[in-house]
PDB file of N, CA and C in Angstrom:
ATOM      1  N   MET A   1      60.269 128.274   9.852  1.00  0.00           N
ATOM      2  CA  MET A   1      61.180 129.089  10.631  1.00  0.00           C
ATOM      3  C   MET A   1      61.072 130.537  10.166  1.00  0.00           C
ATOM      4  N   LYS A   2      60.963 131.440  11.094  1.00  0.00           N
ATOM      5  CA  LYS A   2      60.853 132.869  10.798  1.00  0.00           C
ATOM      6  C   LYS A   2      62.254 133.465  10.751  1.00  0.00           C
ATOM      7  N   ILE A   3      62.561 134.157   9.655  1.00  0.00           N
ATOM      8  CA  ILE A   3      63.850 134.824   9.486  1.00  0.00           C
ATOM      9  C   ILE A   3      63.658 136.290   9.859  1.00  0.00           C
ATOM     10  N   ASN A   4      64.433 136.783  10.789  1.00  0.00           N
ATOM     11  CA  ASN A   4      64.323 138.169  11.219  1.00  0.00           C
ATOM     12  C   ASN A   4      65.368 139.026  10.518  1.00  0.00           C
ATOM     13  N   LEU A   5      65.313 139.050   9.206  1.00  0.00           N
ATOM     14  CA  LEU A   5      66.211 139.869   8.395  1.00  0.00           C
ATOM     15  C   LEU A   5      65.383 140.724   7.462  1.00  0.00           C
ATOM     16  N   LYS A   6      65.757 141.962   7.304  1.00  0.00           N
ATOM     17  CA  LYS A   6      65.107 142.863   6.347  1.00  0.00           C
ATOM     18  C   LYS A   6      66.163 143.235   5.321  1.00  0.00           C
ATOM     19  N   PRO A   7      66.001 142.808   4.057  1.00  0.00           N
ATOM     20  CA  PRO A   7      66.987 143.154   3.028  1.00  0.00           C
ATOM     21  C   PRO A   7      67.090 144.668   2.846  1.00  0.00           C
ATOM     22  N   THR A   8      68.243 145.113   2.402  1.00  0.00           N
ATOM     23  CA  THR A   8      68.436 146.529   2.112  1.00  0.00           C
ATOM     24  C   THR A   8      67.761 146.876   0.786  1.00  0.00           C
ATOM     25  N   ALA A   9      67.752 148.159   0.458  1.00  0.00           N
ATOM     26  CA  ALA A   9      67.065 148.643  -0.753  1.00  0.00           C
ATOM     27  C   ALA A   9      67.530 147.883  -1.996  1.00  0.00           C
ATOM     28  N   GLY A  10      66.561 147.428  -2.769  1.00  0.00           N
ATOM     29  CA  GLY A  10      66.858 146.770  -4.035  1.00  0.00           C
ATOM     30  C   GLY A  10      67.080 145.277  -3.948  1.00  0.00           C
ATOM     31  N   TYR A  11      66.920 144.680  -2.756  1.00  0.00           N
ATOM     32  CA  TYR A  11      67.162 143.242  -2.586  1.00  0.00           C
ATOM     33  C   TYR A  11      65.956 142.537  -1.988  1.00  0.00           C
ATOM     34  N   ILE A  12      65.868 141.221  -2.260  1.00  0.00           N
ATOM     35  CA  ILE A  12      64.887 140.355  -1.621  1.00  0.00           C
ATOM     36  C   ILE A  12      65.633 139.168  -1.029  1.00  0.00           C
ATOM     37  N   LEU A  13      65.069 138.557   0.000  1.00  0.00           N
ATOM     38  CA  LEU A  13      65.624 137.352   0.608  1.00  0.00           C
ATOM     39  C   LEU A  13      64.799 136.175   0.110  1.00  0.00           C
ATOM     40  N   VAL A  14      65.481 135.167  -0.435  1.00  0.00           N
ATOM     41  CA  VAL A  14      64.813 134.030  -1.068  1.00  0.00           C
ATOM     42  C   VAL A  14      65.294 132.720  -0.462  1.00  0.00           C
ATOM     43  N   GLU A  15      64.349 131.811  -0.266  1.00  0.00           N
ATOM     44  CA  GLU A  15      64.675 130.433   0.114  1.00  0.00           C
ATOM     45  C   GLU A  15      64.610 129.603  -1.164  1.00  0.00           C
ATOM     46  N   PRO A  16      65.755 129.123  -1.671  1.00  0.00           N
ATOM     47  CA  PRO A  16      65.730 128.331  -2.900  1.00  0.00           C
ATOM     48  C   PRO A  16      64.892 127.066  -2.716  1.00  0.00           C
ATOM     49  N   LEU A  17      64.120 126.711  -3.734  1.00  0.00           N
ATOM     50  CA  LEU A  17      63.332 125.485  -3.711  1.00  0.00           C
ATOM     51  C   LEU A  17      64.177 124.359  -4.289  1.00  0.00           C
ATOM     52  N   GLU A  18      63.897 123.152  -3.871  1.00  0.00           N
ATOM     53  CA  GLU A  18      64.657 121.993  -4.325  1.00  0.00           C
ATOM     54  C   GLU A  18      64.540 121.820  -5.838  1.00  0.00           C
ATOM     55  N   ALA A  19      65.657 121.476  -6.463  1.00  0.00           N
ATOM     56  CA  ALA A  19      65.665 121.197  -7.901  1.00  0.00           C
ATOM     57  C   ALA A  19      64.971 119.857  -8.142  1.00  0.00           C
ATOM     58  N   GLU A  20      64.368 119.729  -9.297  1.00  0.00           N
ATOM     59  CA  GLU A  20      63.705 118.479  -9.653  1.00  0.00           C
ATOM     60  C   GLU A  20      64.727 117.350  -9.716  1.00  0.00           C
ATOM     61  N   LYS A  21      64.366 116.210  -9.165  1.00  0.00           N
ATOM     62  CA  LYS A  21      65.258 115.061  -9.176  1.00  0.00           C
ATOM     63  C   LYS A  21      64.872 114.060 -10.260  1.00  0.00           C
ATOM     64  N   LYS A  22      63.760 114.382 -10.968  1.00  0.00           N
ATOM     65  CA  LYS A  22      63.276 113.518 -12.041  1.00  0.00           C
ATOM     66  C   LYS A  22      62.920 114.366 -13.247  1.00  0.00           C
ATOM     67  N   THR A  23      63.119 113.797 -14.426  1.00  0.00           N
ATOM     68  CA  THR A  23      62.684 114.475 -15.642  1.00  0.00           C
ATOM     69  C   THR A  23      61.178 114.273 -15.792  1.00  0.00           C
ATOM     70  N   PRO A  24      60.512 115.053 -16.656  1.00  0.00           N
ATOM     71  CA  PRO A  24      59.066 114.870 -16.847  1.00  0.00           C
ATOM     72  C   PRO A  24      58.689 113.458 -17.301  1.00  0.00           C
ATOM     73  N   SER A  25      59.624 112.762 -17.966  1.00  0.00           N
ATOM     74  CA  SER A  25      59.328 111.405 -18.424  1.00  0.00           C
ATOM     75  C   SER A  25      59.604 110.351 -17.357  1.00  0.00           C
ATOM     76  N   GLY A  26      60.104 110.763 -16.172  1.00  0.00           N
ATOM     77  CA  GLY A  26      60.288 109.837 -15.075  1.00  0.00           C
ATOM     78  C   GLY A  26      61.701 109.354 -14.836  1.00  0.00           C
ATOM     79  N   ILE A  27      62.671 109.844 -15.594  1.00  0.00           N
ATOM     80  CA  ILE A  27      64.061 109.436 -15.402  1.00  0.00           C
ATOM     81  C   ILE A  27      64.610 110.126 -14.159  1.00  0.00           C
ATOM     82  N   VAL A  28      65.169 109.340 -13.242  1.00  0.00           N
ATOM     83  CA  VAL A  28      65.733 109.884 -12.009  1.00  0.00           C
ATOM     84  C   VAL A  28      67.145 110.392 -12.299  1.00  0.00           C
ATOM     85  N   LEU A  29      67.395 111.653 -11.919  1.00  0.00           N
ATOM     86  CA  LEU A  29      68.699 112.250 -12.163  1.00  0.00           C
ATOM     87  C   LEU A  29      69.636 111.977 -10.990  1.00  0.00           C
ATOM     88  N   PRO A  30      70.901 111.651 -11.274  1.00  0.00           N
ATOM     89  CA  PRO A  30      71.861 111.447 -10.181  1.00  0.00           C
ATOM     90  C   PRO A  30      72.204 112.774  -9.518  1.00  0.00           C
ATOM     91  N   GLU A  31      72.648 112.726  -8.251  1.00  0.00           N
ATOM     92  CA  GLU A  31      72.982 113.953  -7.527  1.00  0.00           C
ATOM     93  C   GLU A  31      74.070 114.755  -8.227  1.00  0.00           C
ATOM     94  N   SER A  32      74.986 114.085  -8.907  1.00  0.00           N
ATOM     95  CA  SER A  32      76.082 114.785  -9.581  1.00  0.00           C
ATOM     96  C   SER A  32      75.578 115.630 -10.743  1.00  0.00           C
ATOM     97  N   HIS A  33      74.360 115.375 -11.207  1.00  0.00           N
ATOM     98  CA  HIS A  33      73.796 116.117 -12.336  1.00  0.00           C
ATOM     99  C   HIS A  33      72.966 117.317 -11.887  1.00  0.00           C
ATOM    100  N   GLU A  34      72.677 117.389 -10.588  1.00  0.00           N
ATOM    101  CA  GLU A  34      71.816 118.466 -10.091  1.00  0.00           C
ATOM    102  C   GLU A  34      72.461 119.819 -10.309  1.00  0.00           C
ATOM    103  N   GLU A  35      71.652 120.760 -10.744  1.00  0.00           N
ATOM    104  CA  GLU A  35      72.109 122.132 -10.928  1.00  0.00           C
ATOM    105  C   GLU A  35      71.539 122.988  -9.803  1.00  0.00           C
ATOM    106  N   LYS A  36      72.106 124.186  -9.679  1.00  0.00           N
ATOM    107  CA  LYS A  36      71.578 125.113  -8.691  1.00  0.00           C
ATOM    108  C   LYS A  36      70.137 125.445  -9.063  1.00  0.00           C
ATOM    109  N   PRO A  37      69.257 125.490  -8.070  1.00  0.00           N
ATOM    110  CA  PRO A  37      67.874 125.853  -8.396  1.00  0.00           C
ATOM    111  C   PRO A  37      67.789 127.304  -8.854  1.00  0.00           C
ATOM    112  N   GLN A  38      66.809 127.600  -9.690  1.00  0.00           N
ATOM    113  CA  GLN A  38      66.580 128.957 -10.167  1.00  0.00           C
ATOM    114  C   GLN A  38      65.192 129.416  -9.757  1.00  0.00           C
ATOM    115  N   LYS A  39      64.651 128.754  -8.754  1.00  0.00           N
ATOM    116  CA  LYS A  39      63.295 129.017  -8.308  1.00  0.00           C
ATOM    117  C   LYS A  39      63.317 129.061  -6.785  1.00  0.00           C
ATOM    118  N   GLY A  40      62.589 130.022  -6.205  1.00  0.00           N
ATOM    119  CA  GLY A  40      62.575 130.104  -4.758  1.00  0.00           C
ATOM    120  C   GLY A  40      61.387 130.887  -4.226  1.00  0.00           C
ATOM    121  N   ARG A  41      61.183 130.762  -2.916  1.00  0.00           N
ATOM    122  CA  ARG A  41      60.098 131.471  -2.231  1.00  0.00           C
ATOM    123  C   ARG A  41      60.662 132.732  -1.591  1.00  0.00           C
ATOM    124  N   VAL A  42      59.966 133.850  -1.798  1.00  0.00           N
ATOM    125  CA  VAL A  42      60.389 135.141  -1.255  1.00  0.00           C
ATOM    126  C   VAL A  42      60.041 135.182   0.233  1.00  0.00           C
ATOM    127  N   LEU A  43      61.055 135.410   1.075  1.00  0.00           N
ATOM    128  CA  LEU A  43      60.857 135.479   2.519  1.00  0.00           C
ATOM    129  C   LEU A  43      60.735 136.917   3.026  1.00  0.00           C
ATOM    130  N   ALA A  44      61.475 137.832   2.388  1.00  0.00           N
ATOM    131  CA  ALA A  44      61.453 139.237   2.811  1.00  0.00           C
ATOM    132  C   ALA A  44      61.805 140.120   1.618  1.00  0.00           C
ATOM    133  N   VAL A  45      61.234 141.322   1.602  1.00  0.00           N
ATOM    134  CA  VAL A  45      61.459 142.273   0.505  1.00  0.00           C
ATOM    135  C   VAL A  45      62.008 143.571   1.073  1.00  0.00           C
ATOM    136  N   GLY A  46      63.099 144.048   0.475  1.00  0.00           N
ATOM    137  CA  GLY A  46      63.675 145.319   0.891  1.00  0.00           C
ATOM    138  C   GLY A  46      62.897 146.489   0.310  1.00  0.00           C
ATOM    139  N   PRO A  47      63.192 147.701   0.782  1.00  0.00           N
ATOM    140  CA  PRO A  47      62.510 148.889   0.259  1.00  0.00           C
ATOM    141  C   PRO A  47      62.920 149.193  -1.185  1.00  0.00           C
ATOM    142  N   ALA A  48      62.196 150.108  -1.808  1.00  0.00           N
ATOM    143  CA  ALA A  48      62.497 150.513  -3.175  1.00  0.00           C
ATOM    144  C   ALA A  48      63.932 151.038  -3.246  1.00  0.00           C
ATOM    145  N   GLU A  49      64.562 150.818  -4.381  1.00  0.00           N
ATOM    146  CA  GLU A  49      65.914 151.346  -4.572  1.00  0.00           C
ATOM    147  C   GLU A  49      65.860 152.565  -5.474  1.00  0.00           C
ATOM    148  N   THR A  50      66.831 153.440  -5.338  1.00  0.00           N
ATOM    149  CA  THR A  50      66.937 154.603  -6.197  1.00  0.00           C
ATOM    150  C   THR A  50      67.947 154.290  -7.299  1.00  0.00           C
ATOM    151  N   THR A  51      67.510 154.397  -8.552  1.00  0.00           N
ATOM    152  CA  THR A  51      68.392 154.092  -9.681  1.00  0.00           C
ATOM    153  C   THR A  51      69.358 155.248  -9.919  1.00  0.00           C
ATOM    154  N   ASP A  52      70.312 155.036 -10.822  1.00  0.00           N
ATOM    155  CA  ASP A  52      71.289 156.081 -11.157  1.00  0.00           C
ATOM    156  C   ASP A  52      70.622 157.333 -11.717  1.00  0.00           C
ATOM    157  N   SER A  53      69.464 157.147 -12.376  1.00  0.00           N
ATOM    158  CA  SER A  53      68.760 158.294 -12.950  1.00  0.00           C
ATOM    159  C   SER A  53      67.887 159.013 -11.918  1.00  0.00           C
ATOM    160  N   GLY A  54      67.839 158.482 -10.679  1.00  0.00           N
ATOM    161  CA  GLY A  54      67.079 159.138  -9.624  1.00  0.00           C
ATOM    162  C   GLY A  54      65.659 158.643  -9.452  1.00  0.00           C
ATOM    163  N   THR A  55      65.218 157.686 -10.264  1.00  0.00           N
ATOM    164  CA  THR A  55      63.868 157.147 -10.114  1.00  0.00           C
ATOM    165  C   THR A  55      63.861 156.017  -9.085  1.00  0.00           C
ATOM    166  N   LYS A  56      62.698 155.744  -8.537  1.00  0.00           N
ATOM    167  CA  LYS A  56      62.546 154.661  -7.564  1.00  0.00           C
ATOM    168  C   LYS A  56      62.139 153.381  -8.283  1.00  0.00           C
ATOM    169  N   ARG A  57      62.774 152.273  -7.929  1.00  0.00           N
ATOM    170  CA  ARG A  57      62.415 150.963  -8.497  1.00  0.00           C
ATOM    171  C   ARG A  57      61.854 150.119  -7.356  1.00  0.00           C
ATOM    172  N   GLU A  58      60.564 149.792  -7.461  1.00  0.00           N
ATOM    173  CA  GLU A  58      59.893 148.963  -6.463  1.00  0.00           C
ATOM    174  C   GLU A  58      60.165 147.488  -6.755  1.00  0.00           C
ATOM    175  N   SER A  59      60.015 146.653  -5.752  1.00  0.00           N
ATOM    176  CA  SER A  59      60.163 145.207  -5.935  1.00  0.00           C
ATOM    177  C   SER A  59      59.060 144.696  -6.852  1.00  0.00           C
ATOM    178  N   PRO A  60      59.400 143.821  -7.782  1.00  0.00           N
ATOM    179  CA  PRO A  60      58.365 143.251  -8.658  1.00  0.00           C
ATOM    180  C   PRO A  60      57.576 142.132  -7.983  1.00  0.00           C
ATOM    181  N   CYS A  61      57.970 141.735  -6.767  1.00  0.00           N
ATOM    182  CA  CYS A  61      57.296 140.624  -6.093  1.00  0.00           C
ATOM    183  C   CYS A  61      57.021 140.960  -4.631  1.00  0.00           C
ATOM    184  N   ASP A  62      56.224 140.113  -4.006  1.00  0.00           N
ATOM    185  CA  ASP A  62      55.867 140.272  -2.597  1.00  0.00           C
ATOM    186  C   ASP A  62      56.308 139.034  -1.818  1.00  0.00           C
ATOM    187  N   GLU A  63      56.267 139.135  -0.499  1.00  0.00           N
ATOM    188  CA  GLU A  63      56.601 137.991   0.341  1.00  0.00           C
ATOM    189  C   GLU A  63      55.686 136.813   0.027  1.00  0.00           C
ATOM    190  N   ASN A  64      56.222 135.620   0.149  1.00  0.00           N
ATOM    191  CA  ASN A  64      55.539 134.336  -0.056  1.00  0.00           C
ATOM    192  C   ASN A  64      55.271 133.999  -1.513  1.00  0.00           C
ATOM    193  N   GLN A  65      55.661 134.836  -2.450  1.00  0.00           N
ATOM    194  CA  GLN A  65      55.514 134.474  -3.855  1.00  0.00           C
ATOM    195  C   GLN A  65      56.691 133.589  -4.266  1.00  0.00           C
ATOM    196  N   VAL A  66      56.464 132.768  -5.286  1.00  0.00           N
ATOM    197  CA  VAL A  66      57.524 131.931  -5.842  1.00  0.00           C
ATOM    198  C   VAL A  66      58.025 132.632  -7.094  1.00  0.00           C
ATOM    199  N   ILE A  67      59.347 132.798  -7.165  1.00  0.00           N
ATOM    200  CA  ILE A  67      59.945 133.505  -8.295  1.00  0.00           C
ATOM    201  C   ILE A  67      60.983 132.630  -8.999  1.00  0.00           C
ATOM    202  N   PHE A  68      61.287 133.003 -10.228  1.00  0.00           N
ATOM    203  CA  PHE A  68      62.399 132.438 -10.974  1.00  0.00           C
ATOM    204  C   PHE A  68      63.434 133.546 -11.090  1.00  0.00           C
ATOM    205  N   TYR A  69      64.704 133.210 -10.885  1.00  0.00           N
ATOM    206  CA  TYR A  69      65.757 134.212 -10.898  1.00  0.00           C
ATOM    207  C   TYR A  69      66.920 133.741 -11.758  1.00  0.00           C
ATOM    208  N   LYS A  70      67.810 134.678 -12.085  1.00  0.00           N
ATOM    209  CA  LYS A  70      68.957 134.372 -12.934  1.00  0.00           C
ATOM    210  C   LYS A  70      69.773 133.241 -12.325  1.00  0.00           C
ATOM    211  N   LYS A  71      70.316 132.406 -13.188  1.00  0.00           N
ATOM    212  CA  LYS A  71      71.042 131.218 -12.755  1.00  0.00           C
ATOM    213  C   LYS A  71      72.173 131.539 -11.784  1.00  0.00           C
ATOM    214  N   TRP A  72      72.937 132.554 -12.055  1.00  0.00           N
ATOM    215  CA  TRP A  72      74.075 132.882 -11.197  1.00  0.00           C
ATOM    216  C   TRP A  72      73.819 134.155 -10.413  1.00  0.00           C
ATOM    217  N   GLY A  73      72.543 134.514 -10.269  1.00  0.00           N
ATOM    218  CA  GLY A  73      72.190 135.712  -9.517  1.00  0.00           C
ATOM    219  C   GLY A  73      72.165 135.440  -8.022  1.00  0.00           C
ATOM    220  N   GLY A  74      72.319 136.468  -7.254  1.00  0.00           N
ATOM    221  CA  GLY A  74      72.177 136.360  -5.817  1.00  0.00           C
ATOM    222  C   GLY A  74      73.460 136.115  -5.062  1.00  0.00           C
ATOM    223  N   ASN A  75      73.397 136.441  -3.790  1.00  0.00           N
ATOM    224  CA  ASN A  75      74.505 136.213  -2.866  1.00  0.00           C
ATOM    225  C   ASN A  75      74.046 135.207  -1.824  1.00  0.00           C
ATOM    226  N   GLU A  76      74.759 134.089  -1.730  1.00  0.00           N
ATOM    227  CA  GLU A  76      74.385 133.025  -0.814  1.00  0.00           C
ATOM    228  C   GLU A  76      74.779 133.371   0.620  1.00  0.00           C
ATOM    229  N   VAL A  77      73.885 133.036   1.554  1.00  0.00           N
ATOM    230  CA  VAL A  77      74.172 133.154   2.980  1.00  0.00           C
ATOM    231  C   VAL A  77      73.655 131.881   3.654  1.00  0.00           C
ATOM    232  N   GLU A  78      74.327 131.484   4.716  1.00  0.00           N
ATOM    233  CA  GLU A  78      73.883 130.316   5.461  1.00  0.00           C
ATOM    234  C   GLU A  78      73.449 130.766   6.852  1.00  0.00           C
ATOM    235  N   ILE A  79      72.223 130.382   7.222  1.00  0.00           N
ATOM    236  CA  ILE A  79      71.676 130.745   8.519  1.00  0.00           C
ATOM    237  C   ILE A  79      71.187 129.455   9.178  1.00  0.00           C
ATOM    238  N   GLU A  80      71.764 129.137  10.322  1.00  0.00           N
ATOM    239  CA  GLU A  80      71.411 127.931  11.059  1.00  0.00           C
ATOM    240  C   GLU A  80      71.438 126.689  10.170  1.00  0.00           C
ATOM    241  N   GLY A  81      72.476 126.578   9.329  1.00  0.00           N
ATOM    242  CA  GLY A  81      72.669 125.402   8.496  1.00  0.00           C
ATOM    243  C   GLY A  81      71.832 125.348   7.234  1.00  0.00           C
ATOM    244  N   LYS A  82      71.047 126.368   6.963  1.00  0.00           N
ATOM    245  CA  LYS A  82      70.212 126.395   5.760  1.00  0.00           C
ATOM    246  C   LYS A  82      70.667 127.521   4.853  1.00  0.00           C
ATOM    247  N   GLU A  83      70.640 127.259   3.540  1.00  0.00           N
ATOM    248  CA  GLU A  83      71.127 128.245   2.575  1.00  0.00           C
ATOM    249  C   GLU A  83      70.001 129.133   2.055  1.00  0.00           C
ATOM    250  N   TYR A  84      70.291 130.435   1.982  1.00  0.00           N
ATOM    251  CA  TYR A  84      69.356 131.440   1.464  1.00  0.00           C
ATOM    252  C   TYR A  84      70.096 132.314   0.467  1.00  0.00           C
ATOM    253  N   LEU A  85      69.342 133.116  -0.289  1.00  0.00           N
ATOM    254  CA  LEU A  85      69.930 134.030  -1.269  1.00  0.00           C
ATOM    255  C   LEU A  85      69.381 135.435  -1.083  1.00  0.00           C
ATOM    256  N   PHE A  86      70.260 136.410  -1.219  1.00  0.00           N
ATOM    257  CA  PHE A  86      69.841 137.799  -1.366  1.00  0.00           C
ATOM    258  C   PHE A  86      69.935 138.095  -2.849  1.00  0.00           C
ATOM    259  N   ILE A  87      68.809 138.445  -3.467  1.00  0.00           N
ATOM    260  CA  ILE A  87      68.734 138.657  -4.914  1.00  0.00           C
ATOM    261  C   ILE A  87      68.318 140.085  -5.197  1.00  0.00           C
ATOM    262  N   LYS A  88      68.962 140.695  -6.195  1.00  0.00           N
ATOM    263  CA  LYS A  88      68.598 142.057  -6.610  1.00  0.00           C
ATOM    264  C   LYS A  88      67.264 142.017  -7.358  1.00  0.00           C
ATOM    265  N   PHE A  89      66.519 143.104  -7.239  1.00  0.00           N
ATOM    266  CA  PHE A  89      65.240 143.204  -7.963  1.00  0.00           C
ATOM    267  C   PHE A  89      65.424 142.884  -9.443  1.00  0.00           C
ATOM    268  N   GLU A  90      66.489 143.379 -10.032  1.00  0.00           N
ATOM    269  CA  GLU A  90      66.705 143.217 -11.475  1.00  0.00           C
ATOM    270  C   GLU A  90      67.051 141.788 -11.891  1.00  0.00           C
ATOM    271  N   ASP A  91      67.380 140.910 -10.941  1.00  0.00           N
ATOM    272  CA  ASP A  91      67.714 139.517 -11.256  1.00  0.00           C
ATOM    273  C   ASP A  91      66.490 138.599 -11.249  1.00  0.00           C
ATOM    274  N   ILE A  92      65.319 139.144 -10.955  1.00  0.00           N
ATOM    275  CA  ILE A  92      64.089 138.363 -10.971  1.00  0.00           C
ATOM    276  C   ILE A  92      63.608 138.258 -12.412  1.00  0.00           C
ATOM    277  N   LEU A  93      63.410 137.020 -12.862  1.00  0.00           N
ATOM    278  CA  LEU A  93      62.992 136.784 -14.247  1.00  0.00           C
ATOM    279  C   LEU A  93      61.476 136.635 -14.397  1.00  0.00           C
ATOM    280  N   ALA A  94      60.840 135.999 -13.413  1.00  0.00           N
ATOM    281  CA  ALA A  94      59.386 135.758 -13.505  1.00  0.00           C
ATOM    282  C   ALA A  94      58.830 135.465 -12.122  1.00  0.00           C
ATOM    283  N   ILE A  95      57.522 135.654 -12.003  1.00  0.00           N
ATOM    284  CA  ILE A  95      56.799 135.347 -10.782  1.00  0.00           C
ATOM    285  C   ILE A  95      55.783 134.253 -11.134  1.00  0.00           C
ATOM    286  N   GLU A  96      55.808 133.182 -10.361  1.00  0.00           N
ATOM    287  CA  GLU A  96      54.894 132.069 -10.618  1.00  0.00           C
ATOM    288  C   GLU A  96      53.474 132.459 -10.237  1.00  0.00           C
ATOM    289  N   GLU A  97      52.548 132.243 -11.145  1.00  0.00           N
ATOM    290  CA  GLU A  97      51.134 132.527 -10.871  1.00  0.00           C
ATOM    291  C   GLU A  97      50.464 131.267 -10.376  1.00  0.00           C
ATOM    292  N   ARG A  98      49.534 131.459  -9.470  1.00  0.00           N
ATOM    293  CA  ARG A  98      48.838 130.288  -8.904  1.00  0.00           C
ATOM    294  C   ARG A  98      47.456 130.171  -9.434  1.00  0.00           C
TER     295      ARG A  98
END
């Protein structure tokens, strides 16, 4: 599904990826134990933001990359029954390399 949203300066739009339902050793986790995912696919990137010191901060990631973000980072939005996050550039912890 194509999302026709362009984040404002300093934000990216992310589709959270499903949390693992099994541990590496094969133990199946109950739904009550599931935590919020901290990994997602970047759907859209906003323009560079201007910091308080007047410098420009570019996005550290591009569309379609998979990122890891702060556990409680982002603002949740629901579009057509699906949940997405708007995350600040500074809340991105890592970019998954392929």
